C-alpha atoms as a PDB file:
ATOM      1  CA  MET A   1    -109.644  17.181  97.141  1.00  0.00           C
ATOM      2  CA  THR A   2    -107.706  16.980  93.876  1.00  0.00           C
ATOM      3  CA  THR A   3    -108.263  13.925  91.740  1.00  0.00           C
ATOM      4  CA  ALA A   4    -105.390  12.246  89.949  1.00  0.00           C
ATOM      5  CA  THR A   5    -105.255  12.618  86.178  1.00  0.00           C
ATOM      6  CA  THR A   6    -103.247  10.234  84.058  1.00  0.00           C
ATOM      7  CA  LEU A   7    -100.495  12.100  82.273  1.00  0.00           C
ATOM      8  CA  ARG A   8    -100.456  11.016  78.656  1.00  0.00           C
ATOM      9  CA  TYR A   9     -97.621  11.893  76.350  1.00  0.00           C
ATOM     10  CA  THR A  10     -96.032  11.296  72.999  1.00  0.00           C
ATOM     11  CA  ILE A  11     -92.865  12.446  71.289  1.00  0.00           C
ATOM     12  CA  THR A  12     -92.900  13.558  67.672  1.00  0.00           C
ATOM     13  CA  ASP A  13     -90.344  14.961  65.256  1.00  0.00           C
ATOM     14  CA  SER A  14     -90.308  18.500  63.909  1.00  0.00           C
ATOM     15  CA  PRO A  15     -87.959  20.883  62.093  1.00  0.00           C
ATOM     16  CA  VAL A  16     -86.864  22.241  65.508  1.00  0.00           C
ATOM     17  CA  GLY A  17     -86.143  18.764  66.865  1.00  0.00           C
ATOM     18  CA  ALA A  18     -88.177  16.299  68.871  1.00  0.00           C
ATOM     19  CA  ILE A  19     -91.325  17.652  70.532  1.00  0.00           C
ATOM     20  CA  LEU A  20     -92.933  16.259  73.679  1.00  0.00           C
ATOM     21  CA  LEU A  21     -96.717  16.629  73.710  1.00  0.00           C
ATOM     22  CA  THR A  22     -98.641  16.080  76.951  1.00  0.00           C
ATOM     23  CA  SER A  23    -102.338  15.706  77.619  1.00  0.00           C
ATOM     24  CA  ASP A  24    -104.893  15.053  80.327  1.00  0.00           C
ATOM     25  CA  GLY A  25    -106.562  12.637  77.899  1.00  0.00           C
ATOM     26  CA  LYS A  26    -108.751  15.267  76.241  1.00  0.00           C
ATOM     27  CA  ASN A  27    -106.828  18.552  76.109  1.00  0.00           C
ATOM     28  CA  LEU A  28    -103.288  19.420  75.157  1.00  0.00           C
ATOM     29  CA  THR A  29    -101.505  20.416  78.357  1.00  0.00           C
ATOM     30  CA  GLY A  30     -97.960  20.809  77.115  1.00  0.00           C
ATOM     31  CA  LEU A  31     -95.581  21.144  74.197  1.00  0.00           C
ATOM     32  CA  TYR A  32     -91.927  20.944  75.186  1.00  0.00           C
ATOM     33  CA  LEU A  33     -88.749  21.025  73.122  1.00  0.00           C
ATOM     34  CA  ASP A  34     -86.188  19.575  75.540  1.00  0.00           C
ATOM     35  CA  ASP A  35     -85.602  17.812  78.893  1.00  0.00           C
ATOM     36  CA  PHE A  36     -88.311  15.233  78.186  1.00  0.00           C
ATOM     37  CA  ASP A  37     -87.517  12.734  80.954  1.00  0.00           C
ATOM     38  CA  GLU A  38     -87.353  15.463  83.598  1.00  0.00           C
ATOM     39  CA  ILE A  39     -90.575  17.078  82.382  1.00  0.00           C
ATOM     40  CA  ILE A  40     -92.498  13.793  82.260  1.00  0.00           C
ATOM     41  CA  GLU A  41     -91.323  12.928  85.776  1.00  0.00           C
ATOM     42  CA  ARG A  42     -92.273  16.348  87.160  1.00  0.00           C
ATOM     43  CA  LEU A  43     -95.687  16.424  85.471  1.00  0.00           C
ATOM     44  CA  ALA A  44     -96.495  12.866  86.555  1.00  0.00           C
ATOM     45  CA  ALA A  45     -95.706  13.815  90.153  1.00  0.00           C
ATOM     46  CA  VAL A  46     -98.069  16.790  89.911  1.00  0.00           C
ATOM     47  CA  ALA A  47    -100.761  14.598  88.314  1.00  0.00           C
ATOM     48  CA  ARG A  48    -100.085  11.932  90.965  1.00  0.00           C
ATOM     49  CA  SER A  49    -100.114   9.183  88.370  1.00  0.00           C
ATOM     50  CA  GLU A  50     -97.856   7.058  86.265  1.00  0.00           C
ATOM     51  CA  PRO A  51     -97.238   8.666  82.891  1.00  0.00           C
ATOM     52  CA  ARG A  52     -98.557   6.729  79.924  1.00  0.00           C
ATOM     53  CA  GLU A  53     -97.259   6.986  76.404  1.00  0.00           C
ATOM     54  CA  ASP A  54    -100.304   7.272  74.168  1.00  0.00           C
ATOM     55  CA  PRO A  55     -99.279   8.328  70.640  1.00  0.00           C
ATOM     56  CA  ASP A  56    -102.705   7.521  69.170  1.00  0.00           C
ATOM     57  CA  LEU A  57    -104.632   9.912  71.419  1.00  0.00           C
ATOM     58  CA  ASP A  58    -106.915  12.071  69.245  1.00  0.00           C
ATOM     59  CA  VAL A  59    -105.576  15.385  70.562  1.00  0.00           C
ATOM     60  CA  PHE A  60    -102.020  14.274  69.753  1.00  0.00           C
ATOM     61  CA  ALA A  61    -102.976  13.249  66.208  1.00  0.00           C
ATOM     62  CA  GLU A  62    -104.621  16.633  65.656  1.00  0.00           C
ATOM     63  CA  ALA A  63    -101.690  18.495  67.212  1.00  0.00           C
ATOM     64  CA  ARG A  64     -99.232  16.627  64.963  1.00  0.00           C
ATOM     65  CA  ARG A  65    -101.364  17.477  61.905  1.00  0.00           C
ATOM     66  CA  GLN A  66    -101.624  21.171  62.789  1.00  0.00           C
ATOM     67  CA  LEU A  67     -97.929  21.415  63.711  1.00  0.00           C
ATOM     68  CA  GLY A  68     -97.039  19.826  60.370  1.00  0.00           C
ATOM     69  CA  GLU A  69     -99.121  22.470  58.606  1.00  0.00           C
ATOM     70  CA  TYR A  70     -97.494  25.210  60.695  1.00  0.00           C
ATOM     71  CA  PHE A  71     -93.964  24.054  59.854  1.00  0.00           C
ATOM     72  CA  ALA A  72     -94.952  23.741  56.170  1.00  0.00           C
ATOM     73  CA  GLY A  73     -96.068  27.396  56.235  1.00  0.00           C
ATOM     74  CA  GLU A  74     -99.718  26.441  55.680  1.00  0.00           C
ATOM     75  CA  ARG A  75    -101.120  27.286  59.143  1.00  0.00           C
ATOM     76  CA  THR A  76    -100.874  30.570  61.037  1.00  0.00           C
ATOM     77  CA  THR A  77    -103.178  29.758  63.971  1.00  0.00           C
ATOM     78  CA  PHE A  78    -103.952  26.637  65.929  1.00  0.00           C
ATOM     79  CA  ASP A  79    -107.341  25.208  66.849  1.00  0.00           C
ATOM     80  CA  LEU A  80    -106.780  22.680  69.614  1.00  0.00           C
ATOM     81  CA  PRO A  81    -108.341  22.111  73.044  1.00  0.00           C
ATOM     82  CA  LEU A  82    -105.781  23.548  75.455  1.00  0.00           C
ATOM     83  CA  ALA A  83    -105.596  23.203  79.233  1.00  0.00           C
ATOM     84  CA  PRO A  84    -102.386  24.827  80.459  1.00  0.00           C
ATOM     85  CA  VAL A  85    -101.925  24.661  84.214  1.00  0.00           C
ATOM     86  CA  GLY A  86    -100.895  27.933  85.829  1.00  0.00           C
ATOM     87  CA  THR A  87    -101.926  30.835  87.993  1.00  0.00           C
ATOM     88  CA  ASP A  88    -104.620  33.283  86.919  1.00  0.00           C
ATOM     89  CA  PHE A  89    -101.926  35.812  86.005  1.00  0.00           C
ATOM     90  CA  GLN A  90     -99.986  33.246  83.958  1.00  0.00           C
ATOM     91  CA  ARG A  91    -103.117  32.209  82.083  1.00  0.00           C
ATOM     92  CA  THR A  92    -103.867  35.889  81.364  1.00  0.00           C
ATOM     93  CA  VAL A  93    -100.383  36.288  79.878  1.00  0.00           C
ATOM     94  CA  TRP A  94    -100.711  33.044  77.887  1.00  0.00           C
ATOM     95  CA  ASP A  95    -104.062  34.205  76.498  1.00  0.00           C
ATOM     96  CA  ALA A  96    -102.407  37.459  75.413  1.00  0.00           C
ATOM     97  CA  LEU A  97     -99.610  35.508  73.732  1.00  0.00           C
ATOM     98  CA  GLY A  98    -102.237  33.865  71.554  1.00  0.00           C
ATOM     99  CA  ARG A  99    -103.265  37.298  70.271  1.00  0.00           C
ATOM    100  CA  ILE A 100     -99.802  38.216  68.959  1.00  0.00           C
ATOM    101  CA  PRO A 101    -100.253  38.003  65.191  1.00  0.00           C
ATOM    102  CA  TYR A 102     -98.375  35.352  63.240  1.00  0.00           C
ATOM    103  CA  GLY A 103     -95.115  36.674  61.840  1.00  0.00           C
ATOM    104  CA  THR A 104     -94.861  39.582  64.284  1.00  0.00           C
ATOM    105  CA  THR A 105     -93.147  40.152  67.597  1.00  0.00           C
ATOM    106  CA  CYS A 106     -93.775  42.301  70.636  1.00  0.00           C
ATOM    107  CA  GLY A 107     -91.846  43.259  73.735  1.00  0.00           C
ATOM    108  CA  TYR A 108     -92.521  42.259  77.316  1.00  0.00           C
ATOM    109  CA  GLY A 109     -93.599  45.814  78.114  1.00  0.00           C
ATOM    110  CA  GLU A 110     -96.046  45.823  75.204  1.00  0.00           C
ATOM    111  CA  LEU A 111     -97.510  42.542  76.409  1.00  0.00           C
ATOM    112  CA  ALA A 112     -97.796  43.938  79.941  1.00  0.00           C
ATOM    113  CA  ALA A 113     -99.692  46.944  78.569  1.00  0.00           C
ATOM    114  CA  GLU A 114    -101.921  44.600  76.540  1.00  0.00           C
ATOM    115  CA  ILE A 115    -103.109  42.914  79.754  1.00  0.00           C
ATOM    116  CA  ASN A 116    -103.536  46.284  81.532  1.00  0.00           C
ATOM    117  CA  ARG A 117    -100.515  45.719  83.782  1.00  0.00           C
ATOM    118  CA  PRO A 118     -98.075  48.249  82.271  1.00  0.00           C
ATOM    119  CA  THR A 119     -95.573  48.002  85.131  1.00  0.00           C
ATOM    120  CA  ALA A 120     -95.491  44.194  85.116  1.00  0.00           C
ATOM    121  CA  ALA A 121     -93.036  43.563  82.267  1.00  0.00           C
ATOM    122  CA  ARG A 122     -90.806  41.369  84.453  1.00  0.00           C
ATOM    123  CA  ALA A 123     -93.763  39.341  85.751  1.00  0.00           C
ATOM    124  CA  VAL A 124     -94.955  38.970  82.160  1.00  0.00           C
ATOM    125  CA  GLY A 125     -91.484  37.707  81.247  1.00  0.00           C
ATOM    126  CA  ALA A 126     -91.597  35.153  84.048  1.00  0.00           C
ATOM    127  CA  ALA A 127     -95.067  33.954  83.000  1.00  0.00           C
ATOM    128  CA  ASN A 128     -93.932  33.815  79.380  1.00  0.00           C
ATOM    129  CA  GLY A 129     -91.021  31.611  80.429  1.00  0.00           C
ATOM    130  CA  ARG A 130     -93.401  29.217  82.177  1.00  0.00           C
ATOM    131  CA  ASN A 131     -95.690  28.794  79.167  1.00  0.00           C
ATOM    132  CA  PRO A 132     -96.226  25.025  79.005  1.00  0.00           C
ATOM    133  CA  ILE A 133     -97.539  24.951  75.417  1.00  0.00           C
ATOM    134  CA  SER A 134     -94.718  26.390  73.310  1.00  0.00           C
ATOM    135  CA  ILE A 135     -95.225  27.179  69.615  1.00  0.00           C
ATOM    136  CA  ILE A 136     -99.019  26.752  69.824  1.00  0.00           C
ATOM    137  CA  VAL A 137     -99.138  29.454  72.504  1.00  0.00           C
ATOM    138  CA  PRO A 138     -96.515  31.563  70.728  1.00  0.00           C
ATOM    139  CA  CYS A 139     -94.160  32.705  73.468  1.00  0.00           C
ATOM    140  CA  HIS A 140     -91.393  32.769  70.834  1.00  0.00           C
ATOM    141  CA  ARG A 141     -92.948  35.986  69.476  1.00  0.00           C
ATOM    142  CA  VAL A 142     -91.941  37.974  72.572  1.00  0.00           C
ATOM    143  CA  ILE A 143     -88.578  39.715  72.329  1.00  0.00           C
ATOM    144  CA  GLY A 144     -86.513  42.133  74.384  1.00  0.00           C
ATOM    145  CA  ALA A 145     -87.187  45.875  74.222  1.00  0.00           C
ATOM    146  CA  ASN A 146     -83.980  46.286  72.202  1.00  0.00           C
ATOM    147  CA  GLY A 147     -85.054  43.643  69.689  1.00  0.00           C
ATOM    148  CA  SER A 148     -82.887  40.870  71.137  1.00  0.00           C
ATOM    149  CA  LEU A 149     -84.096  37.283  71.195  1.00  0.00           C
ATOM    150  CA  THR A 150     -84.127  37.064  74.953  1.00  0.00           C
ATOM    151  CA  GLY A 151     -85.951  34.699  77.229  1.00  0.00           C
ATOM    152  CA  TYR A 152     -86.814  31.579  75.223  1.00  0.00           C
ATOM    153  CA  ALA A 153     -86.693  28.497  77.429  1.00  0.00           C
ATOM    154  CA  TRP A 154     -85.643  26.275  74.522  1.00  0.00           C
ATOM    155  CA  GLY A 155     -82.798  28.456  73.318  1.00  0.00           C
ATOM    156  CA  GLU A 156     -82.177  31.342  70.973  1.00  0.00           C
ATOM    157  CA  GLU A 157     -81.532  29.080  67.972  1.00  0.00           C
ATOM    158  CA  LYS A 158     -84.997  27.490  68.148  1.00  0.00           C
ATOM    159  CA  LYS A 159     -86.626  30.861  68.730  1.00  0.00           C
ATOM    160  CA  ARG A 160     -84.824  32.281  65.675  1.00  0.00           C
ATOM    161  CA  THR A 161     -85.906  29.269  63.584  1.00  0.00           C
ATOM    162  CA  LEU A 162     -89.573  29.792  64.512  1.00  0.00           C
ATOM    163  CA  LEU A 163     -89.458  33.554  63.904  1.00  0.00           C
ATOM    164  CA  ASP A 164     -87.649  33.083  60.578  1.00  0.00           C
ATOM    165  CA  LEU A 165     -90.213  30.485  59.485  1.00  0.00           C
ATOM    166  CA  GLU A 166     -93.081  32.885  60.200  1.00  0.00           C
ATOM    167  CA  ALA A 167     -91.330  35.880  58.620  1.00  0.00           C
ATOM    168  CA  GLY A 168     -90.625  33.854  55.484  1.00  0.00           C
ATOM    169  CA  VAL A 169     -94.260  32.784  55.157  1.00  0.00           C
ATOM    170  CA  VAL A 170     -95.474  36.362  55.650  1.00  0.00           C
ATOM    171  CA  ALA A 171     -92.945  37.680  53.083  1.00  0.00           C
ATOM    172  CA  ALA A 172     -93.929  35.028  50.538  1.00  0.00           C
ATOM    173  CA  ARG A 173     -97.595  36.004  50.830  1.00  0.00           C
ATOM    174  CA  HIS A 174     -96.958  39.695  50.123  1.00  0.00           C
END
């Protein structure tokens, strides 16, 4: 039997627009860049609870701090308790996303090879598109085989902004 978990959320500002953060009360479960009302409703139905806005939750305060450092070019990795909900395959892909170095990109085929599923580029793309913790789990670093900015749920403009931010920080450090 599954127990209900209260969905907690907060909305914060960022250079790429408002960000919705979600939590199970202890771990960060989501970072979304659009469709907030729809996402909150869907996640609350899955959690079988009323959503509760909780901007002072410790994990949200820490996420806001680390995101601020990231957008200021001071942070290249995140250290937060994460609990993304997904299949085993999706979680494998999301773990691999976390290993893509800051300021670099890779293709879906490369990511598939990284998880020892070299023929699963399309499945990797689908899992990448379902990543519930954008930016922190850097799905924006995955690009098309031809170098195109394909497949970012929040739009090409936001993906370009994130990649440009990282490239600029890397260039400034060299």
